[in-house]
Amino acid sequence: MLEVKPSPIEGEGVFTSTAIKKNKNLFWMFEKITLAINDVAYPRDLKLSDLCWKVNHQKNPNCKIRTNDGFLWYLNSCKKIEKNEELTLDYTTLPYFMQRDIEGYKEL
């Protein structure tokens, strides 16, 4: 369903081989790993998916990041995505611990 291919935006990107409906969790992006001390959870690290760093930036993206519990975060389609379309995110809306540099990205 998802594949990494050369992107017209930047380097490589994640593309879908099938149409995707709006509001569908596509894959997990990252998981916050915590350390519990005296029943209090402290953020310790992030476990990243292999596709996480291949999703390119766009100001008008077709995906967003969603979480149900604050620990496991998914790439979620925020609109209908056509077959062979590249999955994109607006990096400026990522959680503070995942912010990325957007300089040099081409807008399509």
N, C-alpha and C. Protein backbone atom coordinates (compact mmCIF):
# COMPACT_ATOMS: atom_id res chain seq x y z
N MET A 1 0.82 -1.20 0.00
CA MET A 1 0.00 0.00 0.00
C MET A 1 0.87 1.27 0.00
N LEU A 2 1.96 1.30 0.77
CA LEU A 2 2.86 2.46 0.82
C LEU A 2 4.22 2.08 0.30
N GLU A 3 4.85 3.00 -0.44
CA GLU A 3 6.20 2.73 -0.94
C GLU A 3 7.01 4.02 -0.97
N VAL A 4 8.31 3.88 -0.81
CA VAL A 4 9.24 5.01 -0.87
C VAL A 4 9.76 5.13 -2.30
N LYS A 5 9.63 6.35 -2.87
CA LYS A 5 10.08 6.62 -4.23
C LYS A 5 10.69 8.01 -4.29
N PRO A 6 11.41 8.33 -5.37
CA PRO A 6 11.91 9.69 -5.54
C PRO A 6 10.75 10.70 -5.50
N SER A 7 10.99 11.83 -4.82
CA SER A 7 9.94 12.83 -4.62
C SER A 7 10.26 14.12 -5.36
N PRO A 8 9.24 14.75 -5.98
CA PRO A 8 9.46 16.06 -6.59
C PRO A 8 9.60 17.16 -5.53
N ILE A 9 9.28 16.84 -4.28
CA ILE A 9 9.37 17.83 -3.20
C ILE A 9 10.80 17.89 -2.67
N GLU A 10 11.33 16.72 -2.26
CA GLU A 10 12.67 16.66 -1.67
C GLU A 10 13.10 15.21 -1.54
N GLY A 11 14.22 14.85 -2.12
CA GLY A 11 14.79 13.51 -1.93
C GLY A 11 13.81 12.39 -2.23
N GLU A 12 13.52 11.59 -1.21
CA GLU A 12 12.56 10.50 -1.32
C GLU A 12 11.30 10.85 -0.53
N GLY A 13 10.19 10.25 -0.92
CA GLY A 13 8.92 10.47 -0.22
C GLY A 13 8.16 9.17 -0.11
N VAL A 14 7.07 9.21 0.65
CA VAL A 14 6.19 8.05 0.83
C VAL A 14 4.98 8.24 -0.07
N PHE A 15 4.70 7.25 -0.92
CA PHE A 15 3.59 7.31 -1.87
C PHE A 15 2.64 6.15 -1.60
N THR A 16 1.38 6.35 -1.94
CA THR A 16 0.39 5.30 -1.77
C THR A 16 0.08 4.65 -3.12
N SER A 17 -0.08 3.35 -3.12
CA SER A 17 -0.40 2.64 -4.36
C SER A 17 -1.91 2.43 -4.50
N THR A 18 -2.67 2.88 -3.50
CA THR A 18 -4.14 2.79 -3.54
C THR A 18 -4.73 4.09 -3.01
N ALA A 19 -5.96 4.38 -3.38
CA ALA A 19 -6.64 5.55 -2.84
C ALA A 19 -6.88 5.34 -1.34
N ILE A 20 -6.84 6.42 -0.58
CA ILE A 20 -7.02 6.36 0.88
C ILE A 20 -8.13 7.32 1.29
N LYS A 21 -9.03 6.85 2.11
CA LYS A 21 -10.12 7.70 2.61
C LYS A 21 -9.60 8.68 3.65
N LYS A 22 -10.36 9.74 3.86
CA LYS A 22 -10.05 10.73 4.88
C LYS A 22 -10.13 10.10 6.27
N ASN A 23 -9.26 10.56 7.17
CA ASN A 23 -9.25 10.17 8.58
C ASN A 23 -8.90 8.70 8.81
N LYS A 24 -7.92 8.22 8.08
CA LYS A 24 -7.45 6.84 8.25
C LYS A 24 -6.02 6.87 8.80
N ASN A 25 -5.78 6.09 9.86
CA ASN A 25 -4.42 5.94 10.37
C ASN A 25 -3.64 5.08 9.39
N LEU A 26 -2.52 5.62 8.88
CA LEU A 26 -1.76 4.94 7.84
C LEU A 26 -0.62 4.09 8.39
N PHE A 27 0.13 4.63 9.32
CA PHE A 27 1.19 3.87 10.01
C PHE A 27 1.61 4.65 11.24
N TRP A 28 2.22 3.95 12.19
CA TRP A 28 2.69 4.67 13.37
C TRP A 28 3.98 5.39 13.01
N MET A 29 4.06 6.65 13.43
CA MET A 29 5.24 7.48 13.15
C MET A 29 6.29 7.31 14.23
N PHE A 30 5.86 7.41 15.48
CA PHE A 30 6.80 7.30 16.58
C PHE A 30 6.07 6.97 17.87
N GLU A 31 6.83 6.48 18.81
CA GLU A 31 6.31 6.12 20.12
C GLU A 31 7.19 6.80 21.16
N LYS A 32 6.55 7.49 22.10
CA LYS A 32 7.30 8.10 23.20
C LYS A 32 7.58 7.03 24.24
N ILE A 33 8.84 6.82 24.55
CA ILE A 33 9.25 5.85 25.56
C ILE A 33 9.41 6.60 26.88
N THR A 34 8.83 6.08 27.92
CA THR A 34 8.89 6.75 29.21
C THR A 34 9.57 5.87 30.25
N LEU A 35 10.02 6.52 31.28
CA LEU A 35 10.63 5.85 32.42
C LEU A 35 9.75 6.16 33.62
N ALA A 36 9.26 5.16 34.30
CA ALA A 36 8.39 5.36 35.46
C ALA A 36 9.23 5.37 36.74
N ILE A 37 9.09 6.44 37.50
CA ILE A 37 9.74 6.56 38.80
C ILE A 37 8.66 6.93 39.81
N ASN A 38 8.46 6.07 40.79
CA ASN A 38 7.42 6.31 41.81
C ASN A 38 6.06 6.60 41.18
N ASP A 39 5.69 5.79 40.20
CA ASP A 39 4.40 5.90 39.50
C ASP A 39 4.23 7.20 38.70
N VAL A 40 5.32 7.89 38.41
CA VAL A 40 5.27 9.08 37.56
C VAL A 40 6.05 8.77 36.28
N ALA A 41 5.42 9.02 35.10
CA ALA A 41 6.06 8.73 33.82
C ALA A 41 6.85 9.94 33.34
N TYR A 42 8.13 9.72 33.02
CA TYR A 42 8.99 10.76 32.50
C TYR A 42 9.40 10.41 31.07
N PRO A 43 9.20 11.37 30.10
CA PRO A 43 9.63 11.09 28.73
C PRO A 43 11.13 10.79 28.70
N ARG A 44 11.50 9.75 27.98
CA ARG A 44 12.90 9.35 27.95
C ARG A 44 13.48 9.34 26.54
N ASP A 45 12.70 8.86 25.58
CA ASP A 45 13.24 8.68 24.24
C ASP A 45 12.09 8.53 23.25
N LEU A 46 12.41 8.55 21.96
CA LEU A 46 11.43 8.29 20.90
C LEU A 46 11.86 7.07 20.11
N LYS A 47 10.91 6.21 19.82
CA LYS A 47 11.14 5.08 18.92
C LYS A 47 10.48 5.47 17.60
N LEU A 48 11.25 5.56 16.52
CA LEU A 48 10.75 6.04 15.24
C LEU A 48 10.51 4.91 14.26
N SER A 49 9.47 5.06 13.44
CA SER A 49 9.23 4.07 12.38
C SER A 49 10.21 4.32 11.24
N ASP A 50 10.40 3.32 10.39
CA ASP A 50 11.30 3.45 9.24
C ASP A 50 10.82 4.52 8.24
N LEU A 51 9.50 4.68 8.12
CA LEU A 51 8.95 5.64 7.15
C LEU A 51 8.89 7.06 7.70
N CYS A 52 9.06 7.22 8.98
CA CYS A 52 8.89 8.51 9.65
C CYS A 52 9.63 9.65 8.96
N TRP A 53 10.90 9.44 8.63
CA TRP A 53 11.72 10.52 8.07
C TRP A 53 11.56 10.66 6.56
N LYS A 54 10.71 9.87 5.94
CA LYS A 54 10.51 9.95 4.49
C LYS A 54 9.28 10.78 4.11
N VAL A 55 8.45 11.15 5.09
CA VAL A 55 7.26 11.95 4.80
C VAL A 55 7.69 13.41 4.66
N ASN A 56 7.46 14.00 3.49
CA ASN A 56 7.92 15.35 3.19
C ASN A 56 6.94 16.43 3.63
N HIS A 57 7.46 17.65 3.73
CA HIS A 57 6.71 18.83 4.19
C HIS A 57 5.94 19.49 3.05
N GLN A 58 4.71 19.93 3.36
CA GLN A 58 3.92 20.82 2.51
C GLN A 58 3.07 21.69 3.41
N LYS A 59 2.83 22.94 3.00
CA LYS A 59 1.98 23.84 3.79
C LYS A 59 0.53 23.39 3.78
N ASN A 60 0.10 22.74 2.70
CA ASN A 60 -1.26 22.23 2.58
C ASN A 60 -1.18 20.70 2.46
N PRO A 61 -0.91 20.02 3.57
CA PRO A 61 -0.63 18.58 3.51
C PRO A 61 -1.90 17.73 3.37
N ASN A 62 -1.68 16.46 3.05
CA ASN A 62 -2.81 15.52 3.00
C ASN A 62 -2.84 14.62 4.23
N CYS A 63 -1.88 14.82 5.15
CA CYS A 63 -1.82 14.02 6.38
C CYS A 63 -1.51 14.89 7.59
N LYS A 64 -1.77 14.34 8.76
CA LYS A 64 -1.43 14.99 10.02
C LYS A 64 -1.01 13.91 11.01
N ILE A 65 -0.48 14.33 12.14
CA ILE A 65 -0.10 13.40 13.20
C ILE A 65 -1.23 13.34 14.21
N ARG A 66 -1.60 12.12 14.62
CA ARG A 66 -2.66 11.93 15.62
C ARG A 66 -2.18 10.96 16.68
N THR A 67 -2.73 11.14 17.87
CA THR A 67 -2.47 10.20 18.95
C THR A 67 -3.74 10.02 19.76
N ASN A 68 -3.89 8.85 20.33
CA ASN A 68 -5.02 8.59 21.22
C ASN A 68 -4.61 8.68 22.68
N ASP A 69 -3.31 8.42 22.94
CA ASP A 69 -2.88 8.33 24.33
C ASP A 69 -1.66 9.18 24.65
N GLY A 70 -1.10 9.90 23.67
CA GLY A 70 0.08 10.72 23.91
C GLY A 70 1.39 9.96 23.82
N PHE A 71 1.32 8.65 23.64
CA PHE A 71 2.54 7.85 23.57
C PHE A 71 2.78 7.28 22.18
N LEU A 72 1.74 6.76 21.52
CA LEU A 72 1.86 6.21 20.18
C LEU A 72 1.21 7.19 19.20
N TRP A 73 1.99 7.68 18.23
CA TRP A 73 1.55 8.71 17.29
C TRP A 73 1.48 8.12 15.88
N TYR A 74 0.40 8.43 15.16
CA TYR A 74 0.14 7.88 13.83
C TYR A 74 0.14 8.98 12.78
N LEU A 75 0.48 8.59 11.53
CA LEU A 75 0.25 9.44 10.38
C LEU A 75 -1.19 9.17 9.96
N ASN A 76 -2.00 10.22 9.89
CA ASN A 76 -3.42 10.10 9.63
C ASN A 76 -3.78 10.96 8.41
N SER A 77 -4.57 10.40 7.50
CA SER A 77 -4.99 11.15 6.31
C SER A 77 -6.02 12.22 6.73
N CYS A 78 -5.76 13.47 6.41
CA CYS A 78 -6.70 14.53 6.78
C CYS A 78 -7.58 14.93 5.59
N LYS A 79 -7.40 14.25 4.48
CA LYS A 79 -8.27 14.41 3.30
C LYS A 79 -8.15 13.15 2.46
N LYS A 80 -9.00 13.01 1.47
CA LYS A 80 -8.90 11.86 0.57
C LYS A 80 -7.59 11.95 -0.20
N ILE A 81 -6.88 10.83 -0.31
CA ILE A 81 -5.60 10.79 -1.01
C ILE A 81 -5.74 9.85 -2.21
N GLU A 82 -5.36 10.36 -3.36
CA GLU A 82 -5.50 9.59 -4.60
C GLU A 82 -4.38 8.55 -4.75
N LYS A 83 -4.65 7.53 -5.55
CA LYS A 83 -3.64 6.51 -5.87
C LYS A 83 -2.39 7.19 -6.43
N ASN A 84 -1.21 6.73 -6.01
CA ASN A 84 0.10 7.23 -6.44
C ASN A 84 0.44 8.63 -5.94
N GLU A 85 -0.34 9.17 -5.01
CA GLU A 85 -0.08 10.50 -4.45
C GLU A 85 0.95 10.39 -3.31
N GLU A 86 1.78 11.42 -3.18
CA GLU A 86 2.75 11.45 -2.09
C GLU A 86 2.08 11.89 -0.79
N LEU A 87 2.42 11.23 0.31
CA LEU A 87 1.92 11.61 1.63
C LEU A 87 2.76 12.78 2.14
N THR A 88 2.11 13.81 2.66
CA THR A 88 2.81 15.00 3.13
C THR A 88 2.28 15.45 4.49
N LEU A 89 3.14 16.16 5.20
CA LEU A 89 2.83 16.73 6.51
C LEU A 89 3.24 18.20 6.52
N ASP A 90 2.58 19.00 7.35
CA ASP A 90 3.06 20.35 7.62
C ASP A 90 3.96 20.23 8.85
N TYR A 91 5.26 20.33 8.66
CA TYR A 91 6.21 20.14 9.77
C TYR A 91 5.99 21.15 10.89
N THR A 92 5.42 22.32 10.57
CA THR A 92 5.22 23.33 11.62
C THR A 92 4.14 22.93 12.61
N THR A 93 3.37 21.89 12.30
CA THR A 93 2.31 21.44 13.22
C THR A 93 2.72 20.20 14.01
N LEU A 94 3.96 19.74 13.83
CA LEU A 94 4.43 18.57 14.57
C LEU A 94 4.58 18.90 16.05
N PRO A 95 4.47 17.90 16.93
CA PRO A 95 4.72 18.14 18.35
C PRO A 95 6.12 18.71 18.55
N TYR A 96 6.30 19.49 19.60
CA TYR A 96 7.57 20.18 19.85
C TYR A 96 8.78 19.25 19.79
N PHE A 97 8.61 18.00 20.19
CA PHE A 97 9.74 17.08 20.24
C PHE A 97 10.07 16.46 18.89
N MET A 98 9.30 16.81 17.85
CA MET A 98 9.55 16.28 16.51
C MET A 98 9.75 17.39 15.47
N GLN A 99 9.87 18.65 15.89
CA GLN A 99 10.01 19.75 14.94
C GLN A 99 11.18 19.50 14.00
N ARG A 100 10.99 19.85 12.74
CA ARG A 100 12.01 19.65 11.70
C ARG A 100 12.21 20.93 10.91
N ASP A 101 13.38 21.07 10.32
CA ASP A 101 13.71 22.22 9.50
C ASP A 101 12.99 22.10 8.15
N ILE A 102 12.31 23.19 7.73
CA ILE A 102 11.56 23.13 6.47
C ILE A 102 12.25 23.94 5.37
N GLU A 103 13.39 24.52 5.66
CA GLU A 103 14.11 25.31 4.64
C GLU A 103 14.53 24.40 3.48
N GLY A 104 14.29 24.86 2.28
CA GLY A 104 14.71 24.13 1.09
C GLY A 104 13.64 23.22 0.48
N TYR A 105 12.51 23.03 1.17
CA TYR A 105 11.45 22.19 0.62
C TYR A 105 10.67 22.94 -0.45
N LYS A 106 10.34 22.25 -1.53
CA LYS A 106 9.58 22.85 -2.62
C LYS A 106 8.08 22.67 -2.35
N GLU A 107 7.31 23.70 -2.60
CA GLU A 107 5.86 23.59 -2.51
C GLU A 107 5.32 23.15 -3.87
N LEU A 108 4.41 22.17 -3.87
CA LEU A 108 3.82 21.69 -5.13
C LEU A 108 2.45 22.28 -5.33
